[in-house]
Amino acid sequence: MKLDVDVLRYLSKEDFRVLTAVEMGMRNHEIVPSELVDRIASLKHGGTYKVLKNLLKHKLVHHDSSKYDGFRLTYLGYDFLAIKTMVNRGVFASVGRQIGVGKESDIFEVASEDGTILAMKLHRLGRVSFRAVKSKRDYLKHRRSYNWLYLSRLAALKEFSFMKALEEHGFPVPNALDCNRHCVIMSLVPGYPLVQVKELQNPEMVFERIIGLVVCLAEHGLIHCDFNEFNIMIDDDENVAMIDFPQMVSVSHRNAQMYFDRDVECIYKFFGKRFNLSFEEQADHSDSAEEDAEDSSRPCFSSINKTAGFLDKELAASGFTRKDQADMDKFIEEGSDEDAVSGDEEDASDSTEAIVRDTDALHLSEQQPEQIQEGDGADKDETRQRVAASRHESEAQDGSEERGECEEDACDAELVKRLNKQRRRAIAAAHGGRKALASRNSYKDKGGRSSHNSKIQKQLSGW
């Protein structure tokens, strides 16, 4: 989208008030209702709708009435909010020409009040050339819903934090001045992108400097992940500077070695094609692959000493701030605790089932009545009576146990039936096809067969 700042000088306070109201409403709405915009802006005499019409004319907002009447911010409106904030802070006073465009950002020249030329980078995620943000970046973390303006803000905040930290540790990067929304203000790096350079006086020395930057970043715990000729600036004295940092990750990332080798391969490939540099390397087909990697000139990720610094931990390289990283760790710990609890419950259920099976397998042998040895007649009668009484008692106990088992089986069957019924209702409700329950008074319909049958049943019950 073309940034035309001429409209900015004609916007009033009410226009920016309504723009801010739309921005605040987009925290919870994809399309902000008109009533909510009017309520947040709180303009007198109902002037919100007139202002929205003016903003819509300049394409600062987008109107959508497919589901309900509402508005959302465009990137141009988001640009105006960020630029207005920077101007109020005194960071710059004017906006110049566009000096760069990428798959996820636009870069413009801006000038401060004293005439210093600065660079303004506006992140614009969501372009057709770069929409795989969820798989390519870690901006979302555990979030499920998002919009492109919010992702652009996260990318700008991440780049600003990395740029400040790298500058403090002596890396050749632009001087980060300020950040607001999706806008980052930095110093203008003198020179040209390396991809535009056709000749170098000392290509070997420049090559060593660039490879040294990759290794130094890894020693400080970071990997650039997009270190190529498009993101390397070189001046007339062949001094090198790095740009573009939103995609940087930690050396503890699961794909850190792949990203490191890719950055190194990009530099080797470019200098080999553009400046005809030849590199002597040893093949890694022998058993001592690590020794060959150490002897070769190409830097190896496993041989780098990662004790020079811990910028990845200081900046939370997989996120943007320590607070966001702490929230992510807490979310992961809660998930692991739930998995552990569920695993313990499964183990406990398995153990109880095993115990039940063992107890069911242990059937106690019924004690047989001792054989009655024949003796006197009186003794025989007494013993016979005792044996008969014991038999009656055992039969009564067996009958009561059988009845109790039948009752328990009936209760279990009824419980299973209820549970199955509830499960079917839940499944039907989840699929949106829940069947309507029949009314209790359906048999009372006038003139129907059900009403005639009910009358006959009442007559039979009266007889």
Protein backbone atom coordinates (compact mmCIF):
# COMPACT_ATOMS: atom_id res chain seq x y z
CA MET A 1 0.00 0.00 0.00
CA LYS A 2 1.34 3.43 -0.94
CA LEU A 3 1.96 5.74 1.98
CA ASP A 4 0.58 9.18 1.15
CA VAL A 5 1.28 11.44 4.11
CA ASP A 6 -0.28 14.51 2.48
CA VAL A 7 -3.63 13.54 3.97
CA LEU A 8 -2.07 13.50 7.43
CA ARG A 9 -1.85 17.28 7.68
CA TYR A 10 -5.59 17.66 7.07
CA LEU A 11 -6.78 15.18 9.73
CA SER A 12 -8.21 16.70 12.90
CA LYS A 13 -8.19 15.53 16.51
CA GLU A 14 -11.63 14.01 16.07
CA ASP A 15 -10.33 11.91 13.16
CA PHE A 16 -7.49 10.48 15.23
CA ARG A 17 -9.87 9.99 18.16
CA VAL A 18 -12.14 7.82 16.00
CA LEU A 19 -9.13 5.98 14.52
CA THR A 20 -7.95 5.20 18.04
CA ALA A 21 -11.46 4.03 18.96
CA VAL A 22 -11.46 1.58 16.03
CA GLU A 23 -8.02 0.35 17.09
CA MET A 24 -9.19 -0.24 20.66
CA GLY A 25 -12.28 -2.07 19.44
CA MET A 26 -10.16 -4.41 17.32
CA ARG A 27 -8.71 -5.94 20.47
CA ASN A 28 -11.86 -8.03 20.81
CA HIS A 29 -13.52 -7.64 17.41
CA GLU A 30 -12.44 -8.46 13.91
CA ILE A 31 -14.99 -5.94 12.64
CA VAL A 32 -15.78 -3.23 15.22
CA PRO A 33 -19.51 -2.37 15.39
CA SER A 34 -20.42 1.21 14.65
CA GLU A 35 -22.17 1.60 18.00
CA LEU A 36 -19.02 0.51 19.83
CA VAL A 37 -16.89 3.00 17.87
CA ASP A 38 -19.31 5.78 18.77
CA ARG A 39 -19.30 4.73 22.42
CA ILE A 40 -15.48 4.63 22.67
CA ALA A 41 -14.89 7.88 20.74
CA SER A 42 -17.54 9.76 22.74
CA LEU A 43 -17.79 12.66 20.30
CA LYS A 44 -20.41 15.32 20.89
CA HIS A 45 -23.56 15.66 18.80
CA GLY A 46 -23.09 12.25 17.18
CA GLY A 47 -20.17 13.32 15.00
CA THR A 48 -18.63 9.83 14.93
CA TYR A 49 -20.46 8.74 11.78
CA LYS A 50 -19.44 11.88 9.91
CA VAL A 51 -15.79 11.28 10.87
CA LEU A 52 -16.02 7.62 9.82
CA LYS A 53 -17.26 8.74 6.42
CA ASN A 54 -14.22 11.02 6.06
CA LEU A 55 -11.82 8.25 7.15
CA LEU A 56 -13.46 5.84 4.74
CA LYS A 57 -12.93 8.30 1.90
CA HIS A 58 -9.17 8.38 2.60
CA LYS A 59 -9.04 4.54 2.98
CA LEU A 60 -7.93 4.70 6.59
CA VAL A 61 -10.69 2.31 7.63
CA HIS A 62 -12.59 -0.43 5.85
CA HIS A 63 -16.36 -0.80 6.06
CA ASP A 64 -17.93 -4.26 6.30
CA SER A 65 -21.66 -4.90 6.49
CA SER A 66 -21.77 -8.61 5.61
CA LYS A 67 -22.78 -9.76 9.11
CA TYR A 68 -23.30 -6.42 10.86
CA ASP A 69 -22.38 -2.81 10.27
CA GLY A 70 -18.79 -2.30 11.38
CA PHE A 71 -15.31 -1.01 10.55
CA ARG A 72 -11.70 -2.18 10.82
CA LEU A 73 -8.35 -0.42 10.48
CA THR A 74 -6.34 -0.64 7.29
CA TYR A 75 -2.55 -0.58 7.21
CA LEU A 76 -2.69 3.03 6.06
CA GLY A 77 -4.74 4.00 9.11
CA TYR A 78 -2.33 2.06 11.34
CA ASP A 79 0.56 3.93 9.67
CA PHE A 80 -1.05 7.27 10.42
CA LEU A 81 -1.53 6.40 14.09
CA ALA A 82 2.13 5.35 14.45
CA ILE A 83 3.46 8.37 12.55
CA LYS A 84 1.30 10.77 14.56
CA THR A 85 2.64 9.28 17.81
CA MET A 86 6.26 9.58 16.63
CA VAL A 87 5.75 13.19 15.56
CA ASN A 88 4.23 14.05 18.94
CA ARG A 89 7.24 12.48 20.66
CA GLY A 90 9.60 14.60 18.54
CA VAL A 91 11.38 11.63 16.96
CA PHE A 92 11.03 13.01 13.42
CA ALA A 93 9.20 15.86 11.73
CA SER A 94 8.86 14.86 8.08
CA VAL A 95 8.55 11.75 5.91
CA GLY A 96 10.51 11.33 2.67
CA ARG A 97 10.82 8.77 -0.10
CA GLN A 98 10.61 5.02 0.09
CA ILE A 99 14.06 3.44 0.06
CA GLY A 100 13.25 -0.24 0.46
CA VAL A 101 10.48 -2.80 0.20
CA GLY A 102 10.45 -6.41 1.36
CA LYS A 103 8.12 -9.34 1.74
CA GLU A 104 7.06 -8.17 5.21
CA SER A 105 8.03 -4.48 5.55
CA ASP A 106 8.46 -1.10 3.87
CA ILE A 107 11.30 1.33 4.63
CA PHE A 108 11.06 5.12 4.29
CA GLU A 109 13.37 8.04 4.89
CA VAL A 110 12.36 10.44 7.66
CA ALA A 111 14.02 13.61 8.90
CA SER A 112 14.20 15.04 12.40
CA GLU A 113 13.84 18.71 13.24
CA ASP A 114 17.60 19.28 13.06
CA GLY A 115 17.77 17.70 9.59
CA THR A 116 19.14 14.27 10.55
CA ILE A 117 18.06 11.58 8.09
CA LEU A 118 16.66 8.46 9.76
CA ALA A 119 15.05 5.25 8.53
CA MET A 120 11.46 4.28 9.33
CA LYS A 121 10.56 0.60 8.95
CA LEU A 122 6.85 -0.27 8.77
CA HIS A 123 6.10 -3.95 9.21
CA ARG A 124 3.31 -5.20 6.95
CA LEU A 125 2.71 -8.86 7.62
CA GLY A 126 -0.09 -10.46 5.64
CA ARG A 127 1.06 -9.74 2.13
CA VAL A 128 0.57 -12.36 -0.53
CA SER A 129 4.34 -12.94 -0.58
CA PHE A 130 4.49 -13.74 3.13
CA ARG A 131 1.42 -15.18 4.86
CA ALA A 132 2.83 -18.35 6.42
CA VAL A 133 3.56 -16.49 9.65
CA LYS A 134 2.17 -19.22 11.90
CA SER A 135 4.66 -21.78 10.58
CA LYS A 136 7.60 -19.43 9.85
CA ARG A 137 7.60 -17.25 12.97
CA ASP A 138 7.01 -17.73 16.69
CA TYR A 139 5.05 -14.51 17.19
CA LEU A 140 1.82 -16.33 18.05
CA LYS A 141 3.12 -18.80 20.63
CA HIS A 142 0.04 -20.37 22.23
CA ARG A 143 -2.39 -17.80 20.85
CA ARG A 144 -5.16 -19.11 18.62
CA SER A 145 -6.67 -15.92 17.22
CA TYR A 146 -4.79 -13.03 15.65
CA ASN A 147 -4.89 -10.33 13.00
CA TRP A 148 -2.17 -8.99 10.75
CA LEU A 149 -1.89 -5.63 12.51
CA TYR A 150 -1.22 -7.33 15.83
CA LEU A 151 1.40 -9.63 14.29
CA SER A 152 3.12 -6.65 12.67
CA ARG A 153 3.28 -4.95 16.07
CA LEU A 154 4.89 -8.06 17.61
CA ALA A 155 7.45 -8.25 14.79
CA ALA A 156 8.41 -4.58 15.24
CA LEU A 157 8.78 -4.99 18.99
CA LYS A 158 10.98 -8.05 18.55
CA GLU A 159 13.24 -6.36 16.00
CA PHE A 160 13.61 -3.26 18.18
CA SER A 161 14.63 -5.31 21.22
CA PHE A 162 17.22 -7.34 19.27
CA MET A 163 18.64 -4.25 17.62
CA LYS A 164 19.13 -2.49 20.96
CA ALA A 165 20.81 -5.52 22.54
CA LEU A 166 23.15 -6.16 19.60
CA GLU A 167 24.19 -2.51 19.53
CA GLU A 168 25.05 -2.62 23.24
CA HIS A 169 27.27 -5.66 22.63
CA GLY A 170 29.24 -4.01 19.83
CA PHE A 171 27.67 -5.56 16.75
CA PRO A 172 27.52 -3.45 13.55
CA VAL A 173 23.77 -2.79 13.47
CA PRO A 174 21.66 0.37 13.03
CA ASN A 175 21.00 2.50 16.07
CA ALA A 176 17.44 1.78 17.25
CA LEU A 177 15.79 5.02 18.38
CA ASP A 178 12.11 4.34 19.04
CA CYS A 179 9.29 1.87 18.40
CA ASN A 180 5.52 2.31 18.31
CA ARG A 181 2.92 -0.14 17.04
CA HIS A 182 4.37 -1.65 13.83
CA CYS A 183 6.87 1.17 13.26
CA VAL A 184 10.59 1.11 14.13
CA ILE A 185 12.78 4.22 13.84
CA MET A 186 16.52 3.58 13.39
CA SER A 187 19.58 5.35 12.11
CA LEU A 188 20.24 5.23 8.39
CA VAL A 189 23.10 2.83 7.62
CA PRO A 190 25.52 4.35 5.08
CA GLY A 191 26.31 2.13 2.13
CA TYR A 192 24.54 -0.27 -0.15
CA PRO A 193 23.11 -3.79 0.09
CA LEU A 194 25.74 -6.37 -0.72
CA VAL A 195 23.59 -7.77 -3.52
CA GLN A 196 24.08 -4.50 -5.47
CA VAL A 197 27.89 -4.57 -5.18
CA LYS A 198 29.67 -5.92 -8.26
CA GLU A 199 33.31 -5.50 -7.25
CA LEU A 200 35.30 -5.45 -4.01
CA GLN A 201 38.90 -4.47 -3.40
CA ASN A 202 39.43 -7.17 -0.78
CA PRO A 203 36.69 -9.79 -1.16
CA GLU A 204 38.56 -12.26 1.07
CA MET A 205 38.67 -9.78 3.94
CA VAL A 206 34.97 -8.92 3.57
CA PHE A 207 34.14 -12.60 3.44
CA GLU A 208 36.06 -13.24 6.69
CA ARG A 209 34.27 -10.33 8.39
CA ILE A 210 30.85 -11.63 7.42
CA ILE A 211 31.59 -15.20 8.49
CA GLY A 212 33.03 -13.80 11.71
CA LEU A 213 29.72 -12.03 12.38
CA VAL A 214 27.81 -15.30 11.97
CA VAL A 215 30.14 -17.08 14.37
CA CYS A 216 30.11 -14.20 16.87
CA LEU A 217 26.31 -14.19 16.90
CA ALA A 218 26.32 -17.92 17.64
CA GLU A 219 28.84 -17.41 20.43
CA HIS A 220 26.44 -14.91 21.99
CA GLY A 221 23.58 -17.41 21.73
CA LEU A 222 21.78 -16.10 18.62
CA ILE A 223 21.30 -17.14 15.00
CA HIS A 224 20.22 -14.63 12.36
CA CYS A 225 18.25 -17.16 10.24
CA ASP A 226 18.19 -14.82 7.20
CA PHE A 227 21.84 -13.86 6.83
CA ASN A 228 22.28 -13.29 3.09
CA GLU A 229 23.41 -10.63 0.62
CA PHE A 230 20.09 -8.77 0.90
CA ASN A 231 20.45 -8.15 4.66
CA ILE A 232 24.13 -7.12 4.67
CA MET A 233 25.10 -3.46 4.12
CA ILE A 234 28.57 -2.42 2.96
CA ASP A 235 29.97 1.10 2.62
CA ASP A 236 32.75 2.58 0.51
CA ASP A 237 35.37 1.53 3.07
CA GLU A 238 34.04 -2.05 2.90
CA ASN A 239 32.70 -1.97 6.43
CA VAL A 240 29.88 -4.42 7.00
CA ALA A 241 26.60 -3.94 8.90
CA MET A 242 23.66 -6.28 9.57
CA ILE A 243 19.96 -5.48 9.20
CA ASP A 244 16.62 -7.29 9.52
CA PHE A 245 16.26 -9.14 12.85
CA PRO A 246 12.63 -10.25 13.45
CA GLN A 247 13.36 -13.91 12.64
CA MET A 248 16.35 -14.41 14.96
CA VAL A 249 16.27 -17.49 17.22
CA SER A 250 18.32 -18.96 20.04
CA VAL A 251 21.11 -21.51 19.64
CA SER A 252 19.00 -23.85 21.77
CA HIS A 253 16.29 -23.89 19.12
CA ARG A 254 15.52 -27.36 17.80
CA ASN A 255 16.46 -26.26 14.24
CA ALA A 256 19.40 -24.08 15.27
CA GLN A 257 22.02 -26.12 13.44
CA MET A 258 20.01 -26.09 10.22
CA TYR A 259 19.57 -22.31 10.38
CA PHE A 260 23.27 -21.79 11.14
CA ASP A 261 24.39 -24.00 8.26
CA ARG A 262 21.94 -22.24 5.93
CA ASP A 263 23.34 -18.80 6.80
CA VAL A 264 26.89 -20.01 6.24
CA GLU A 265 25.97 -21.70 2.98
CA CYS A 266 24.34 -18.49 1.67
CA ILE A 267 27.54 -16.52 2.23
CA TYR A 268 29.77 -19.19 0.70
CA LYS A 269 27.51 -19.55 -2.32
CA PHE A 270 27.25 -15.79 -2.96
CA PHE A 271 30.98 -15.08 -2.71
CA GLY A 272 31.76 -18.11 -4.83
CA LYS A 273 29.48 -16.93 -7.66
CA ARG A 274 29.85 -13.15 -7.47
CA PHE A 275 33.59 -12.81 -6.62
CA ASN A 276 34.88 -16.22 -7.79
CA LEU A 277 36.31 -17.21 -4.43
CA SER A 278 37.41 -20.83 -4.12
CA PHE A 279 37.13 -22.62 -0.80
CA GLU A 280 39.19 -25.69 0.11
CA GLU A 281 37.08 -28.04 2.17
CA GLN A 282 37.46 -31.62 3.23
CA ALA A 283 34.80 -34.19 2.65
CA ASP A 284 32.96 -35.61 5.64
CA HIS A 285 32.78 -39.19 4.40
CA SER A 286 35.31 -40.59 6.86
CA ASP A 287 34.57 -41.85 10.32
CA SER A 288 36.19 -38.85 11.96
CA ALA A 289 33.71 -36.34 10.58
CA GLU A 290 34.04 -34.00 13.54
CA GLU A 291 37.83 -33.81 13.17
CA ASP A 292 37.48 -33.02 9.46
CA ALA A 293 34.96 -30.29 10.27
CA GLU A 294 37.39 -28.74 12.71
CA ASP A 295 40.22 -28.85 10.19
CA SER A 296 38.11 -27.36 7.37
CA SER A 297 37.69 -23.61 6.90
CA ARG A 298 33.88 -23.74 7.02
CA PRO A 299 32.60 -22.99 10.57
CA CYS A 300 30.79 -25.86 12.26
CA PHE A 301 27.90 -25.31 14.65
CA SER A 302 28.99 -28.04 17.05
CA SER A 303 32.53 -26.64 17.36
CA ILE A 304 31.48 -23.09 18.28
CA ASN A 305 32.09 -22.08 21.89
CA LYS A 306 28.76 -20.64 23.03
CA THR A 307 30.04 -18.98 26.20
CA ALA A 308 30.67 -15.43 24.94
CA GLY A 309 27.23 -14.30 26.03
CA PHE A 310 23.66 -15.30 26.63
CA LEU A 311 21.68 -12.82 24.59
CA ASP A 312 19.10 -15.47 23.80
CA LYS A 313 18.25 -15.78 27.49
CA GLU A 314 18.43 -12.03 28.13
CA LEU A 315 16.11 -11.24 25.24
CA ALA A 316 14.10 -14.47 25.37
CA ALA A 317 14.97 -15.22 21.75
CA SER A 318 11.97 -17.41 21.20
CA GLY A 319 9.76 -14.47 22.24
CA PHE A 320 10.03 -10.75 22.76
CA THR A 321 10.15 -9.99 26.46
CA ARG A 322 10.82 -11.92 29.62
CA LYS A 323 7.20 -11.58 30.64
CA ASP A 324 5.98 -13.19 27.41
CA GLN A 325 8.54 -15.97 27.78
CA ALA A 326 7.44 -16.57 31.38
CA ASP A 327 3.83 -16.87 30.25
CA MET A 328 4.89 -19.37 27.61
CA ASP A 329 6.85 -21.44 30.14
CA LYS A 330 3.91 -21.38 32.51
CA PHE A 331 1.59 -22.55 29.73
CA ILE A 332 3.97 -25.42 28.87
CA GLU A 333 4.34 -26.41 32.54
CA GLU A 334 0.58 -26.50 33.01
CA GLY A 335 0.25 -28.74 29.98
CA SER A 336 2.98 -31.07 31.26
CA ASP A 337 1.39 -31.20 34.72
CA GLU A 338 -1.97 -32.13 33.20
CA ASP A 339 -0.29 -34.85 31.16
CA ALA A 340 1.44 -36.14 34.28
CA VAL A 341 -1.79 -36.16 36.28
CA SER A 342 -3.65 -37.96 33.53
CA GLY A 343 -0.80 -40.45 33.30
CA ASP A 344 -0.94 -41.05 37.06
CA GLU A 345 -4.68 -41.54 36.90
CA GLU A 346 -4.28 -44.05 34.09
CA ASP A 347 -1.62 -45.90 36.06
CA ALA A 348 -3.84 -45.92 39.13
CA SER A 349 -6.81 -47.22 37.14
CA ASP A 350 -4.64 -49.92 35.59
CA SER A 351 -3.39 -50.99 39.02
CA THR A 352 -6.90 -51.10 40.47
CA GLU A 353 -8.11 -53.15 37.53
CA ALA A 354 -5.24 -55.56 38.05
CA ILE A 355 -6.09 -55.87 41.74
CA VAL A 356 -9.74 -56.53 40.92
CA ARG A 357 -8.76 -59.20 38.42
CA ASP A 358 -6.49 -60.82 41.00
CA THR A 359 -9.21 -60.81 43.63
CA ASP A 360 -11.74 -62.23 41.17
CA ALA A 361 -9.31 -64.99 40.30
CA LEU A 362 -8.93 -65.95 43.93
CA HIS A 363 -12.07 -68.04 44.53
CA LEU A 364 -12.23 -69.35 48.07
CA SER A 365 -12.95 -73.06 48.21
CA GLU A 366 -16.13 -73.87 50.03
CA GLN A 367 -15.58 -75.95 53.07
CA GLN A 368 -17.26 -79.31 52.79
CA PRO A 369 -19.14 -80.61 55.88
CA GLU A 370 -17.18 -83.10 57.77
CA GLN A 371 -18.17 -86.64 57.33
CA ILE A 372 -20.47 -87.80 60.07
CA GLN A 373 -19.32 -90.92 61.54
CA GLU A 374 -22.01 -93.21 62.63
CA GLY A 375 -22.55 -93.51 66.39
CA ASP A 376 -25.47 -93.64 68.75
CA GLY A 377 -29.02 -92.93 67.54
CA ALA A 378 -29.43 -89.69 69.52
CA ASP A 379 -26.15 -88.42 68.26
CA LYS A 380 -27.15 -89.31 64.72
CA ASP A 381 -30.44 -87.38 65.00
CA GLU A 382 -28.74 -84.31 66.47
CA THR A 383 -26.07 -84.30 63.82
CA ARG A 384 -28.65 -84.75 61.05
CA GLN A 385 -30.66 -81.80 62.36
CA ARG A 386 -27.54 -79.62 62.51
CA VAL A 387 -26.56 -80.54 58.95
CA ALA A 388 -30.09 -79.78 57.65
CA ALA A 389 -30.15 -76.40 59.43
CA SER A 390 -26.78 -75.48 58.03
CA ARG A 391 -27.95 -76.46 54.54
CA HIS A 392 -31.08 -74.27 54.87
CA GLU A 393 -28.97 -71.33 56.03
CA SER A 394 -26.53 -71.73 53.13
CA GLU A 395 -29.39 -71.95 50.62
CA ALA A 396 -31.02 -68.82 52.09
CA GLN A 397 -27.71 -66.96 51.90
CA ASP A 398 -27.19 -68.07 48.28
CA GLY A 399 -30.71 -66.91 47.40
CA SER A 400 -30.21 -63.50 48.98
CA GLU A 401 -26.85 -63.12 47.23
CA GLU A 402 -28.43 -64.02 43.89
CA ARG A 403 -31.22 -61.48 44.45
CA GLY A 404 -28.67 -58.84 45.43
CA GLU A 405 -26.63 -59.60 42.32
CA CYS A 406 -29.76 -59.36 40.16
CA GLU A 407 -30.63 -56.01 41.73
CA GLU A 408 -27.07 -54.74 41.20
CA ASP A 409 -27.14 -55.91 37.58
CA ALA A 410 -30.44 -54.13 37.05
CA CYS A 411 -29.03 -50.92 38.59
CA ASP A 412 -25.90 -51.18 36.46
CA ALA A 413 -27.95 -51.74 33.34
CA GLU A 414 -30.13 -48.75 34.12
CA LEU A 415 -27.07 -46.60 34.83
CA VAL A 416 -25.43 -47.67 31.57
CA LYS A 417 -28.63 -46.90 29.72
CA ARG A 418 -28.76 -43.38 31.21
CA LEU A 419 -25.11 -42.75 30.41
CA ASN A 420 -25.56 -43.89 26.81
CA LYS A 421 -28.58 -41.63 26.48
CA GLN A 422 -26.63 -38.64 27.82
CA ARG A 423 -23.72 -39.46 25.52
CA ARG A 424 -25.99 -39.57 22.46
CA ARG A 425 -27.51 -36.22 23.44
CA ALA A 426 -24.07 -34.67 23.88
CA ILE A 427 -22.89 -35.96 20.49
CA ALA A 428 -26.05 -34.68 18.80
CA ALA A 429 -25.65 -31.27 20.44
CA ALA A 430 -21.99 -31.10 19.41
CA HIS A 431 -22.85 -31.83 15.79
CA GLY A 432 -25.66 -29.30 15.87
CA GLY A 433 -28.27 -31.90 15.08
CA ARG A 434 -29.87 -32.44 18.43
CA LYS A 435 -33.30 -33.96 18.08
CA ALA A 436 -36.22 -32.13 19.62
CA LEU A 437 -37.76 -34.00 22.52
CA ALA A 438 -41.37 -35.01 22.15
CA SER A 439 -43.84 -33.04 24.19
CA ARG A 440 -45.55 -34.75 27.11
CA ASN A 441 -48.91 -33.46 25.88
CA SER A 442 -48.55 -34.74 22.35
CA TYR A 443 -51.29 -37.31 22.88
CA LYS A 444 -53.78 -34.51 23.55
CA ASP A 445 -53.83 -33.28 19.98
CA LYS A 446 -57.39 -32.79 18.88
CA GLY A 447 -58.81 -35.11 16.23
CA GLY A 448 -55.74 -37.34 16.05
CA ARG A 449 -55.35 -41.07 16.52
CA SER A 450 -53.35 -40.51 19.69
CA SER A 451 -56.23 -38.61 21.33
CA HIS A 452 -58.72 -41.37 20.41
CA ASN A 453 -56.44 -44.03 21.87
CA SER A 454 -56.00 -42.01 25.06
CA LYS A 455 -59.79 -41.81 25.51
CA ILE A 456 -60.11 -45.60 25.13
CA GLN A 457 -57.32 -46.10 27.67
CA LYS A 458 -59.07 -43.82 30.16
CA GLN A 459 -62.33 -45.76 29.74
CA LEU A 460 -60.58 -49.10 30.27
CA SER A 461 -58.80 -47.78 33.36
CA GLY A 462 -62.17 -46.54 34.74
CA TRP A 463 -63.71 -50.02 34.35
